[in-house]
């Protein structure tokens, strides 16, 4: 039997979420969006063509309810030529929710040059938009004043305790609504009690530096992490830049753009390139273009290929798209 013909002419494609377990995972995201809280889930991948962890189309298939859902990777490969989209192997972004009940490892991601030196296709710059944070929750972004990456690695290799490592890191409050750009090479960790929306380059390259004596122990990657780490100036939460189109830009760099809008009524979304991802943080949104209409509940994501109208009451929307 031949594979079903995929409709690549649609203006947007709703996507299914994919639960990815992590040892530090929590239940905030599941509770927030009504997805259940029976199991702790570290990450919910919303738009991914990453090998082995591909999100699926929510409303596409062969018409056979028993058939496997169509993966975003297959759809991209079918649509690439007709729509000017990247093939799955070249899809530039990965969009997710991250839910930390326990502290994440102290880690660093390589930039493109380091990644290629290590045999990887690209690096991993990311941005966090804090969705929910417990009282007193913290983020670790960069190093404490006067501390260098060399000093941190020397201390860890000499057997520094978790308390000693904490003292070498820069700690900032995790505040709902804040957005942070985590450039590749920045040492970082997410503290417990934080749920965030994340957009990143399409990579899962993480070099673990310290894991807080977690059991069972996970491997560290100190040589690769030392190579990837950079001494960076202290970063601050991003300030929104209002746009004439109604979207407030939070990050606009070479890797991606991240924008947000509060909507009571309707707002147009016009991807500036081949695509944008649209995620509803609050409310129920109607997405429409011509005869095509779909409803996105809070937490759900669609891939927009053409200009669409997004409407609803009390909407909190967040959009990502590739860098200019």
C-alpha atoms as a PDB file:
ATOM      1  CA  UNK A   1       0.000   0.000   0.000  1.00  0.00           C
ATOM      2  CA  UNK A   2       1.364   3.434  -0.933  1.00  0.00           C
ATOM      3  CA  UNK A   3       1.891   6.097   1.702  1.00  0.00           C
ATOM      4  CA  UNK A   4      -0.870   8.695   2.068  1.00  0.00           C
ATOM      5  CA  UNK A   5      -0.474  11.912   0.095  1.00  0.00           C
ATOM      6  CA  UNK A   6       0.373  14.758   2.457  1.00  0.00           C
ATOM      7  CA  UNK A   7      -1.358  18.088   1.974  1.00  0.00           C
ATOM      8  CA  UNK A   8       1.487  20.594   1.706  1.00  0.00           C
ATOM      9  CA  UNK A   9      -0.659  23.504   0.507  1.00  0.00           C
ATOM     10  CA  UNK A  10      -2.231  24.236   3.908  1.00  0.00           C
ATOM     11  CA  UNK A  11      -1.512  27.676   5.441  1.00  0.00           C
ATOM     12  CA  UNK A  12      -0.835  26.277   8.916  1.00  0.00           C
ATOM     13  CA  UNK A  13      -0.388  22.908  10.625  1.00  0.00           C
ATOM     14  CA  UNK A  14      -1.430  22.192  14.243  1.00  0.00           C
ATOM     15  CA  UNK A  15       1.093  20.000  16.034  1.00  0.00           C
ATOM     16  CA  UNK A  16       0.927  17.385  18.772  1.00  0.00           C
ATOM     17  CA  UNK A  17       3.039  17.716  21.896  1.00  0.00           C
ATOM     18  CA  UNK A  18       5.630  15.064  22.753  1.00  0.00           C
ATOM     19  CA  UNK A  19       6.435  14.249  26.399  1.00  0.00           C
ATOM     20  CA  UNK A  20      10.167  13.780  27.095  1.00  0.00           C
ATOM     21  CA  UNK A  21      11.030  12.392  30.520  1.00  0.00           C
ATOM     22  CA  UNK A  22      13.884  13.874  32.524  1.00  0.00           C
ATOM     23  CA  UNK A  23      15.023  12.954  36.048  1.00  0.00           C
ATOM     24  CA  UNK A  24      14.342  16.498  37.257  1.00  0.00           C
ATOM     25  CA  UNK A  25      10.868  16.755  35.672  1.00  0.00           C
ATOM     26  CA  UNK A  26       7.774  18.224  37.286  1.00  0.00           C
ATOM     27  CA  UNK A  27       4.007  18.506  36.974  1.00  0.00           C
ATOM     28  CA  UNK A  28       3.437  22.254  36.631  1.00  0.00           C
ATOM     29  CA  UNK A  29       3.029  22.263  32.866  1.00  0.00           C
ATOM     30  CA  UNK A  30       0.709  19.243  32.867  1.00  0.00           C
ATOM     31  CA  UNK A  31      -1.488  20.822  35.527  1.00  0.00           C
ATOM     32  CA  UNK A  32      -1.454  24.244  33.906  1.00  0.00           C
ATOM     33  CA  UNK A  33      -2.702  22.993  30.548  1.00  0.00           C
ATOM     34  CA  UNK A  34      -4.890  20.136  31.748  1.00  0.00           C
ATOM     35  CA  UNK A  35      -2.616  17.398  30.415  1.00  0.00           C
ATOM     36  CA  UNK A  36      -2.659  15.424  33.661  1.00  0.00           C
ATOM     37  CA  UNK A  37      -0.120  15.149  36.449  1.00  0.00           C
ATOM     38  CA  UNK A  38       0.155  11.419  37.067  1.00  0.00           C
ATOM     39  CA  UNK A  39       3.776  11.436  35.907  1.00  0.00           C
ATOM     40  CA  UNK A  40       6.521  14.015  36.174  1.00  0.00           C
ATOM     41  CA  UNK A  41       7.591  15.220  32.730  1.00  0.00           C
ATOM     42  CA  UNK A  42      10.727  17.280  32.222  1.00  0.00           C
ATOM     43  CA  UNK A  43      10.059  18.587  28.714  1.00  0.00           C
ATOM     44  CA  UNK A  44       7.099  18.844  26.345  1.00  0.00           C
ATOM     45  CA  UNK A  45       8.429  19.202  22.806  1.00  0.00           C
ATOM     46  CA  UNK A  46       5.990  21.305  20.786  1.00  0.00           C
ATOM     47  CA  UNK A  47       7.671  21.680  17.398  1.00  0.00           C
ATOM     48  CA  UNK A  48      10.529  19.309  16.680  1.00  0.00           C
ATOM     49  CA  UNK A  49      12.066  17.571  13.693  1.00  0.00           C
ATOM     50  CA  UNK A  50      14.937  16.343  15.857  1.00  0.00           C
ATOM     51  CA  UNK A  51      15.804  12.720  15.016  1.00  0.00           C
ATOM     52  CA  UNK A  52      14.222  10.299  17.459  1.00  0.00           C
ATOM     53  CA  UNK A  53      11.990  12.944  19.073  1.00  0.00           C
ATOM     54  CA  UNK A  54       9.792  14.245  16.258  1.00  0.00           C
ATOM     55  CA  UNK A  55       6.477  15.935  16.965  1.00  0.00           C
ATOM     56  CA  UNK A  56       3.497  14.837  14.887  1.00  0.00           C
ATOM     57  CA  UNK A  57       0.834  16.723  12.982  1.00  0.00           C
ATOM     58  CA  UNK A  58      -2.346  17.000  15.024  1.00  0.00           C
ATOM     59  CA  UNK A  59      -4.846  16.890  12.153  1.00  0.00           C
ATOM     60  CA  UNK A  60      -3.219  15.021   9.292  1.00  0.00           C
ATOM     61  CA  UNK A  61      -3.030  11.413   8.235  1.00  0.00           C
ATOM     62  CA  UNK A  62      -4.396   8.827   5.879  1.00  0.00           C
ATOM     63  CA  UNK A  63      -7.965   8.822   7.164  1.00  0.00           C
ATOM     64  CA  UNK A  64      -7.302   5.486   8.871  1.00  0.00           C
ATOM     65  CA  UNK A  65      -7.669   6.065  12.620  1.00  0.00           C
ATOM     66  CA  UNK A  66      -5.306   3.148  13.286  1.00  0.00           C
ATOM     67  CA  UNK A  67      -2.533   4.620  11.133  1.00  0.00           C
ATOM     68  CA  UNK A  68       0.523   6.159  12.734  1.00  0.00           C
ATOM     69  CA  UNK A  69       0.379   9.961  12.917  1.00  0.00           C
ATOM     70  CA  UNK A  70       2.293  11.939  10.324  1.00  0.00           C
ATOM     71  CA  UNK A  71       5.566  13.219  11.727  1.00  0.00           C
ATOM     72  CA  UNK A  72       6.655  16.812  11.210  1.00  0.00           C
ATOM     73  CA  UNK A  73       9.826  15.463   9.597  1.00  0.00           C
ATOM     74  CA  UNK A  74       7.897  13.619   6.873  1.00  0.00           C
ATOM     75  CA  UNK A  75       5.668  16.613   6.267  1.00  0.00           C
ATOM     76  CA  UNK A  76       8.642  18.974   5.963  1.00  0.00           C
ATOM     77  CA  UNK A  77      10.405  16.684   3.515  1.00  0.00           C
ATOM     78  CA  UNK A  78       7.228  16.519   1.407  1.00  0.00           C
ATOM     79  CA  UNK A  79       6.654  20.266   1.569  1.00  0.00           C
ATOM     80  CA  UNK A  80      10.222  21.528   1.230  1.00  0.00           C
ATOM     81  CA  UNK A  81      10.288  21.938  -2.530  1.00  0.00           C
ATOM     82  CA  UNK A  82       6.757  23.255  -2.949  1.00  0.00           C
ATOM     83  CA  UNK A  83       6.769  25.680  -0.007  1.00  0.00           C
ATOM     84  CA  UNK A  84      10.391  26.793   0.226  1.00  0.00           C
ATOM     85  CA  UNK A  85      10.656  25.161   3.641  1.00  0.00           C
ATOM     86  CA  UNK A  86      13.796  23.545   5.023  1.00  0.00           C
ATOM     87  CA  UNK A  87      13.893  19.772   4.849  1.00  0.00           C
ATOM     88  CA  UNK A  88      13.605  18.023   8.190  1.00  0.00           C
ATOM     89  CA  UNK A  89      17.375  17.612   8.506  1.00  0.00           C
ATOM     90  CA  UNK A  90      17.797  21.378   8.148  1.00  0.00           C
ATOM     91  CA  UNK A  91      14.859  22.519  10.291  1.00  0.00           C
ATOM     92  CA  UNK A  92      16.496  25.235  12.408  1.00  0.00           C
ATOM     93  CA  UNK A  93      14.425  25.407  15.612  1.00  0.00           C
ATOM     94  CA  UNK A  94      13.196  23.275  18.474  1.00  0.00           C
ATOM     95  CA  UNK A  95      10.323  24.624  20.609  1.00  0.00           C
ATOM     96  CA  UNK A  96       9.350  23.179  23.984  1.00  0.00           C
ATOM     97  CA  UNK A  97       8.058  23.657  27.510  1.00  0.00           C
ATOM     98  CA  UNK A  98      10.523  22.809  30.267  1.00  0.00           C
ATOM     99  CA  UNK A  99       9.228  21.787  33.727  1.00  0.00           C
ATOM    100  CA  UNK A 100      11.787  21.626  36.536  1.00  0.00           C
ATOM    101  CA  UNK A 101      10.738  20.201  39.884  1.00  0.00           C
ATOM    102  CA  UNK A 102      14.409  19.618  40.739  1.00  0.00           C
ATOM    103  CA  UNK A 103      17.419  21.679  39.751  1.00  0.00           C
ATOM    104  CA  UNK A 104      18.889  20.922  36.329  1.00  0.00           C
ATOM    105  CA  UNK A 105      22.559  20.125  35.964  1.00  0.00           C
ATOM    106  CA  UNK A 106      25.022  22.973  35.601  1.00  0.00           C
ATOM    107  CA  UNK A 107      25.657  22.826  31.875  1.00  0.00           C
ATOM    108  CA  UNK A 108      26.774  24.611  28.744  1.00  0.00           C
ATOM    109  CA  UNK A 109      25.917  24.313  25.055  1.00  0.00           C
ATOM    110  CA  UNK A 110      28.454  24.709  22.253  1.00  0.00           C
ATOM    111  CA  UNK A 111      28.293  27.430  19.644  1.00  0.00           C
ATOM    112  CA  UNK A 112      28.287  26.494  15.972  1.00  0.00           C
ATOM    113  CA  UNK A 113      32.079  26.464  15.646  1.00  0.00           C
ATOM    114  CA  UNK A 114      32.652  24.302  18.726  1.00  0.00           C
ATOM    115  CA  UNK A 115      29.794  21.986  17.758  1.00  0.00           C
ATOM    116  CA  UNK A 116      31.304  21.358  14.338  1.00  0.00           C
ATOM    117  CA  UNK A 117      34.693  20.767  15.900  1.00  0.00           C
ATOM    118  CA  UNK A 118      32.982  18.095  18.013  1.00  0.00           C
ATOM    119  CA  UNK A 119      31.321  16.491  14.986  1.00  0.00           C
ATOM    120  CA  UNK A 120      27.881  18.086  15.462  1.00  0.00           C
ATOM    121  CA  UNK A 121      25.964  19.991  12.755  1.00  0.00           C
ATOM    122  CA  UNK A 122      25.303  23.126  14.799  1.00  0.00           C
ATOM    123  CA  UNK A 123      25.393  24.633  18.264  1.00  0.00           C
ATOM    124  CA  UNK A 124      22.659  25.576  20.675  1.00  0.00           C
ATOM    125  CA  UNK A 125      21.710  29.102  21.619  1.00  0.00           C
ATOM    126  CA  UNK A 126      18.365  29.216  23.436  1.00  0.00           C
ATOM    127  CA  UNK A 127      15.890  31.622  25.026  1.00  0.00           C
ATOM    128  CA  UNK A 128      13.661  31.080  28.058  1.00  0.00           C
ATOM    129  CA  UNK A 129      10.311  32.728  28.684  1.00  0.00           C
ATOM    130  CA  UNK A 130       9.285  32.036  32.277  1.00  0.00           C
ATOM    131  CA  UNK A 131       5.702  30.771  32.406  1.00  0.00           C
ATOM    132  CA  UNK A 132       5.432  29.898  36.091  1.00  0.00           C
ATOM    133  CA  UNK A 133       7.780  30.042  39.087  1.00  0.00           C
ATOM    134  CA  UNK A 134       7.416  28.984  42.709  1.00  0.00           C
ATOM    135  CA  UNK A 135       8.151  31.617  45.377  1.00  0.00           C
ATOM    136  CA  UNK A 136      11.911  32.020  45.700  1.00  0.00           C
ATOM    137  CA  UNK A 137      12.703  30.025  42.539  1.00  0.00           C
ATOM    138  CA  UNK A 138      16.020  30.872  40.900  1.00  0.00           C
ATOM    139  CA  UNK A 139      17.939  30.567  37.667  1.00  0.00           C
ATOM    140  CA  UNK A 140      21.693  30.157  37.351  1.00  0.00           C
ATOM    141  CA  UNK A 141      22.958  32.223  34.408  1.00  0.00           C
ATOM    142  CA  UNK A 142      26.680  32.772  34.115  1.00  0.00           C
ATOM    143  CA  UNK A 143      29.147  33.030  36.969  1.00  0.00           C
ATOM    144  CA  UNK A 144      29.343  35.021  40.185  1.00  0.00           C
ATOM    145  CA  UNK A 145      31.145  38.358  40.077  1.00  0.00           C
ATOM    146  CA  UNK A 146      34.866  37.891  39.615  1.00  0.00           C
ATOM    147  CA  UNK A 147      34.634  34.154  38.854  1.00  0.00           C
ATOM    148  CA  UNK A 148      36.050  32.833  35.570  1.00  0.00           C
ATOM    149  CA  UNK A 149      35.166  29.661  33.735  1.00  0.00           C
ATOM    150  CA  UNK A 150      38.681  28.372  34.385  1.00  0.00           C
ATOM    151  CA  UNK A 151      38.201  28.812  38.137  1.00  0.00           C
ATOM    152  CA  UNK A 152      34.865  26.977  38.065  1.00  0.00           C
ATOM    153  CA  UNK A 153      36.268  24.006  36.142  1.00  0.00           C
ATOM    154  CA  UNK A 154      39.370  23.844  38.314  1.00  0.00           C
ATOM    155  CA  UNK A 155      37.181  23.781  41.429  1.00  0.00           C
ATOM    156  CA  UNK A 156      34.932  21.028  40.071  1.00  0.00           C
ATOM    157  CA  UNK A 157      37.855  18.916  38.932  1.00  0.00           C
ATOM    158  CA  UNK A 158      39.322  19.320  42.440  1.00  0.00           C
ATOM    159  CA  UNK A 159      36.119  17.878  43.943  1.00  0.00           C
ATOM    160  CA  UNK A 160      34.205  21.024  44.947  1.00  0.00           C
ATOM    161  CA  UNK A 161      31.002  20.399  46.899  1.00  0.00           C
ATOM    162  CA  UNK A 162      27.593  21.454  45.589  1.00  0.00           C
ATOM    163  CA  UNK A 163      27.602  24.365  48.049  1.00  0.00           C
ATOM    164  CA  UNK A 164      30.980  25.483  46.730  1.00  0.00           C
ATOM    165  CA  UNK A 165      29.778  25.226  43.125  1.00  0.00           C
ATOM    166  CA  UNK A 166      26.652  27.233  43.966  1.00  0.00           C
ATOM    167  CA  UNK A 167      28.824  30.028  45.357  1.00  0.00           C
ATOM    168  CA  UNK A 168      30.639  30.269  42.015  1.00  0.00           C
ATOM    169  CA  UNK A 169      27.441  30.708  39.963  1.00  0.00           C
ATOM    170  CA  UNK A 170      25.376  33.824  39.315  1.00  0.00           C
ATOM    171  CA  UNK A 171      21.874  33.390  40.749  1.00  0.00           C
ATOM    172  CA  UNK A 172      18.897  35.459  39.560  1.00  0.00           C
ATOM    173  CA  UNK A 173      15.210  35.300  40.490  1.00  0.00           C
ATOM    174  CA  UNK A 174      12.908  33.269  38.266  1.00  0.00           C
ATOM    175  CA  UNK A 175       9.975  35.596  37.618  1.00  0.00           C
ATOM    176  CA  UNK A 176       6.954  34.734  35.483  1.00  0.00           C
ATOM    177  CA  UNK A 177       6.932  36.904  32.360  1.00  0.00           C
ATOM    178  CA  UNK A 178      10.707  37.407  32.187  1.00  0.00           C
ATOM    179  CA  UNK A 179      12.609  36.347  29.085  1.00  0.00           C
ATOM    180  CA  UNK A 180      16.287  35.400  29.058  1.00  0.00           C
ATOM    181  CA  UNK A 181      18.591  34.846  26.088  1.00  0.00           C
ATOM    182  CA  UNK A 182      21.124  32.108  26.855  1.00  0.00           C
ATOM    183  CA  UNK A 183      23.845  32.418  24.260  1.00  0.00           C
ATOM    184  CA  UNK A 184      25.852  29.301  23.441  1.00  0.00           C
ATOM    185  CA  UNK A 185      28.893  29.183  25.704  1.00  0.00           C
ATOM    186  CA  UNK A 186      27.010  30.547  28.751  1.00  0.00           C
ATOM    187  CA  UNK A 187      27.149  28.290  31.813  1.00  0.00           C
ATOM    188  CA  UNK A 188      23.636  27.903  33.215  1.00  0.00           C
ATOM    189  CA  UNK A 189      21.047  25.841  35.069  1.00  0.00           C
ATOM    190  CA  UNK A 190      17.343  26.093  35.840  1.00  0.00           C
ATOM    191  CA  UNK A 191      16.452  25.891  39.522  1.00  0.00           C
ATOM    192  CA  UNK A 192      13.568  23.895  41.003  1.00  0.00           C
ATOM    193  CA  UNK A 193      10.002  25.155  40.781  1.00  0.00           C
ATOM    194  CA  UNK A 194      10.233  26.679  37.291  1.00  0.00           C
ATOM    195  CA  UNK A 195       8.164  26.106  34.156  1.00  0.00           C
ATOM    196  CA  UNK A 196       9.308  27.884  31.020  1.00  0.00           C
ATOM    197  CA  UNK A 197       8.803  28.107  27.284  1.00  0.00           C
ATOM    198  CA  UNK A 198      12.019  27.565  25.354  1.00  0.00           C
ATOM    199  CA  UNK A 199      13.102  28.121  21.787  1.00  0.00           C
ATOM    200  CA  UNK A 200      16.513  26.892  20.736  1.00  0.00           C
ATOM    201  CA  UNK A 201      18.606  25.968  17.781  1.00  0.00           C
ATOM    202  CA  UNK A 202      17.741  22.462  16.631  1.00  0.00           C
ATOM    203  CA  UNK A 203      20.257  20.632  18.791  1.00  0.00           C
ATOM    204  CA  UNK A 204      20.212  18.489  21.910  1.00  0.00           C
ATOM    205  CA  UNK A 205      23.922  19.061  22.598  1.00  0.00           C
ATOM    206  CA  UNK A 206      24.360  19.572  26.346  1.00  0.00           C
ATOM    207  CA  UNK A 207      27.692  19.342  28.150  1.00  0.00           C
ATOM    208  CA  UNK A 208      27.097  18.573  31.819  1.00  0.00           C
ATOM    209  CA  UNK A 209      29.464  20.281  34.272  1.00  0.00           C
ATOM    210  CA  UNK A 210      27.979  19.480  37.708  1.00  0.00           C
ATOM    211  CA  UNK A 211      24.930  17.412  38.655  1.00  0.00           C
ATOM    212  CA  UNK A 212      24.387  18.199  42.360  1.00  0.00           C
ATOM    213  CA  UNK A 213      25.245  14.647  43.535  1.00  0.00           C
ATOM    214  CA  UNK A 214      22.125  13.324  41.789  1.00  0.00           C
ATOM    215  CA  UNK A 215      21.506   9.579  42.065  1.00  0.00           C
ATOM    216  CA  UNK A 216      21.895   7.612  39.930  1.00  0.00           C
ATOM    217  CA  UNK A 217      24.927   9.567  38.833  1.00  0.00           C
ATOM    218  CA  UNK A 218      25.008  10.865  35.273  1.00  0.00           C
ATOM    219  CA  UNK A 219      28.130  11.368  33.195  1.00  0.00           C
ATOM    220  CA  UNK A 220      29.875  14.728  33.178  1.00  0.00           C
ATOM    221  CA  UNK A 221      31.478  16.188  30.058  1.00  0.00           C
ATOM    222  CA  UNK A 222      34.154  18.417  31.553  1.00  0.00           C
ATOM    223  CA  UNK A 223      36.625  18.483  28.657  1.00  0.00           C
ATOM    224  CA  UNK A 224      33.972  19.324  26.070  1.00  0.00           C
ATOM    225  CA  UNK A 225      32.307  21.792  28.454  1.00  0.00           C
ATOM    226  CA  UNK A 226      35.573  23.602  29.147  1.00  0.00           C
ATOM    227  CA  UNK A 227      36.096  23.904  25.393  1.00  0.00           C
ATOM    228  CA  UNK A 228      32.570  25.288  24.885  1.00  0.00           C
ATOM    229  CA  UNK A 229      32.354  27.662  27.871  1.00  0.00           C
ATOM    230  CA  UNK A 230      32.908  31.387  27.588  1.00  0.00           C
ATOM    231  CA  UNK A 231      33.404  34.168  30.107  1.00  0.00           C
ATOM    232  CA  UNK A 232      30.375  36.346  29.343  1.00  0.00           C
ATOM    233  CA  UNK A 233      29.062  39.614  30.736  1.00  0.00           C
ATOM    234  CA  UNK A 234      26.066  39.272  33.087  1.00  0.00           C
ATOM    235  CA  UNK A 235      22.879  39.045  31.044  1.00  0.00           C
ATOM    236  CA  UNK A 236      19.603  40.705  32.018  1.00  0.00           C
ATOM    237  CA  UNK A 237      15.966  39.892  31.243  1.00  0.00           C
ATOM    238  CA  UNK A 238      14.976  41.004  27.762  1.00  0.00           C
ATOM    239  CA  UNK A 239      12.861  44.101  27.334  1.00  0.00           C
ATOM    240  CA  UNK A 240       9.961  43.792  24.920  1.00  0.00           C
ATOM    241  CA  UNK A 241      10.157  45.973  21.804  1.00  0.00           C
ATOM    242  CA  UNK A 242       6.616  46.797  20.596  1.00  0.00           C
ATOM    243  CA  UNK A 243       6.046  46.222  16.905  1.00  0.00           C
ATOM    244  CA  UNK A 244       3.704  48.004  14.529  1.00  0.00           C
ATOM    245  CA  UNK A 245       2.102  44.620  13.761  1.00  0.00           C
ATOM    246  CA  UNK A 246       0.970  44.121  17.379  1.00  0.00           C
ATOM    247  CA  UNK A 247       3.721  41.666  18.283  1.00  0.00           C
ATOM    248  CA  UNK A 248       6.261  42.607  20.968  1.00  0.00           C
ATOM    249  CA  UNK A 249       9.724  41.309  20.099  1.00  0.00           C
ATOM    250  CA  UNK A 250      11.594  39.720  22.997  1.00  0.00           C
ATOM    251  CA  UNK A 251      14.603  38.323  21.109  1.00  0.00           C
ATOM    252  CA  UNK A 252      15.660  38.967  17.525  1.00  0.00           C
ATOM    253  CA  UNK A 253      19.050  37.548  16.653  1.00  0.00           C
ATOM    254  CA  UNK A 254      20.873  35.390  14.147  1.00  0.00           C
ATOM    255  CA  UNK A 255      19.403  32.145  15.543  1.00  0.00           C
ATOM    256  CA  UNK A 256      15.734  33.047  16.059  1.00  0.00           C
ATOM    257  CA  UNK A 257      13.120  35.653  16.796  1.00  0.00           C
ATOM    258  CA  UNK A 258      10.837  35.346  19.823  1.00  0.00           C
ATOM    259  CA  UNK A 259       7.761  37.568  20.113  1.00  0.00           C
ATOM    260  CA  UNK A 260       4.689  37.763  22.320  1.00  0.00           C
ATOM    261  CA  UNK A 261       1.238  39.350  22.117  1.00  0.00           C
ATOM    262  CA  UNK A 262      -1.788  39.780  24.368  1.00  0.00           C
ATOM    263  CA  UNK A 263      -4.974  39.591  22.309  1.00  0.00           C
ATOM    264  CA  UNK A 264      -8.610  40.446  22.962  1.00  0.00           C
ATOM    265  CA  UNK A 265     -10.153  40.223  19.519  1.00  0.00           C
ATOM    266  CA  UNK A 266      -7.995  39.367  16.510  1.00  0.00           C
ATOM    267  CA  UNK A 267      -4.374  39.779  15.465  1.00  0.00           C
ATOM    268  CA  UNK A 268      -2.598  38.864  12.248  1.00  0.00           C
ATOM    269  CA  UNK A 269       0.525  36.736  12.189  1.00  0.00           C
ATOM    270  CA  UNK A 270       2.596  37.014   9.032  1.00  0.00           C
ATOM    271  CA  UNK A 271       5.776  34.904   9.068  1.00  0.00           C
ATOM    272  CA  UNK A 272       8.668  36.994   7.854  1.00  0.00           C
ATOM    273  CA  UNK A 273      10.335  33.908   6.374  1.00  0.00           C
ATOM    274  CA  UNK A 274       9.247  30.401   5.458  1.00  0.00           C
ATOM    275  CA  UNK A 275       7.454  29.671   8.742  1.00  0.00           C
ATOM    276  CA  UNK A 276       6.694  30.664  12.313  1.00  0.00           C
ATOM    277  CA  UNK A 277       5.521  28.639  15.292  1.00  0.00           C
ATOM    278  CA  UNK A 278       2.542  29.919  17.277  1.00  0.00           C
ATOM    279  CA  UNK A 279       1.970  28.722  20.858  1.00  0.00           C
ATOM    280  CA  UNK A 280      -0.974  29.681  23.054  1.00  0.00           C
ATOM    281  CA  UNK A 281       0.107  30.334  26.638  1.00  0.00           C
ATOM    282  CA  UNK A 282      -3.361  31.340  27.862  1.00  0.00           C
ATOM    283  CA  UNK A 283      -6.866  31.212  26.420  1.00  0.00           C
ATOM    284  CA  UNK A 284      -8.362  29.440  23.419  1.00  0.00           C
ATOM    285  CA  UNK A 285      -7.331  30.744  20.017  1.00  0.00           C
ATOM    286  CA  UNK A 286      -8.995  30.393  16.638  1.00  0.00           C
ATOM    287  CA  UNK A 287      -6.459  30.303  13.817  1.00  0.00           C
ATOM    288  CA  UNK A 288      -7.831  31.052  10.360  1.00  0.00           C
ATOM    289  CA  UNK A 289      -6.632  31.566   6.821  1.00  0.00           C
ATOM    290  CA  UNK A 290      -9.133  31.443   3.970  1.00  0.00           C
ATOM    291  CA  UNK A 291     -11.258  28.328   4.360  1.00  0.00           C
ATOM    292  CA  UNK A 292      -8.851  26.794   6.857  1.00  0.00           C
ATOM    293  CA  UNK A 293      -9.728  27.157  10.556  1.00  0.00           C
ATOM    294  CA  UNK A 294      -8.498  25.415  13.708  1.00  0.00           C
ATOM    295  CA  UNK A 295      -8.777  25.897  17.452  1.00  0.00           C
ATOM    296  CA  UNK A 296      -5.703  25.905  19.658  1.00  0.00           C
ATOM    297  CA  UNK A 297      -6.210  25.409  23.389  1.00  0.00           C
ATOM    298  CA  UNK A 298      -3.773  26.773  25.944  1.00  0.00           C
ATOM    299  CA  UNK A 299      -0.435  24.988  25.576  1.00  0.00           C
ATOM    300  CA  UNK A 300      -0.967  23.988  21.945  1.00  0.00           C
ATOM    301  CA  UNK A 301       1.207  24.930  18.985  1.00  0.00           C
ATOM    302  CA  UNK A 302       0.794  25.338  15.233  1.00  0.00           C
ATOM    303  CA  UNK A 303       3.299  25.809  12.443  1.00  0.00           C
ATOM    304  CA  UNK A 304       2.226  28.806  10.335  1.00  0.00           C
ATOM    305  CA  UNK A 305       3.355  28.871   6.692  1.00  0.00           C
ATOM    306  CA  UNK A 306       1.217  31.746   5.401  1.00  0.00           C
ATOM    307  CA  UNK A 307      -0.312  34.840   7.032  1.00  0.00           C
ATOM    308  CA  UNK A 308      -3.038  33.806   9.486  1.00  0.00           C
ATOM    309  CA  UNK A 309      -5.520  35.539  11.755  1.00  0.00           C
ATOM    310  CA  UNK A 310      -5.484  34.605  15.449  1.00  0.00           C
ATOM    311  CA  UNK A 311      -8.566  35.520  17.481  1.00  0.00           C
ATOM    312  CA  UNK A 312      -9.953  34.990  20.950  1.00  0.00           C
ATOM    313  CA  UNK A 313     -10.467  36.612  24.338  1.00  0.00           C
ATOM    314  CA  UNK A 314      -7.705  37.014  26.902  1.00  0.00           C
ATOM    315  CA  UNK A 315      -5.078  35.354  24.735  1.00  0.00           C
ATOM    316  CA  UNK A 316      -1.402  35.220  25.630  1.00  0.00           C
ATOM    317  CA  UNK A 317       0.489  34.180  22.492  1.00  0.00           C
ATOM    318  CA  UNK A 318       4.130  33.511  21.785  1.00  0.00           C
ATOM    319  CA  UNK A 319       5.738  33.152  18.361  1.00  0.00           C
ATOM    320  CA  UNK A 320       9.104  31.903  17.194  1.00  0.00           C
ATOM    321  CA  UNK A 321      10.698  32.061  13.763  1.00  0.00           C
ATOM    322  CA  UNK A 322      14.184  31.629  12.311  1.00  0.00           C
ATOM    323  CA  UNK A 323      16.713  34.422  12.597  1.00  0.00           C
ATOM    324  CA  UNK A 324      16.797  37.076   9.931  1.00  0.00           C
END
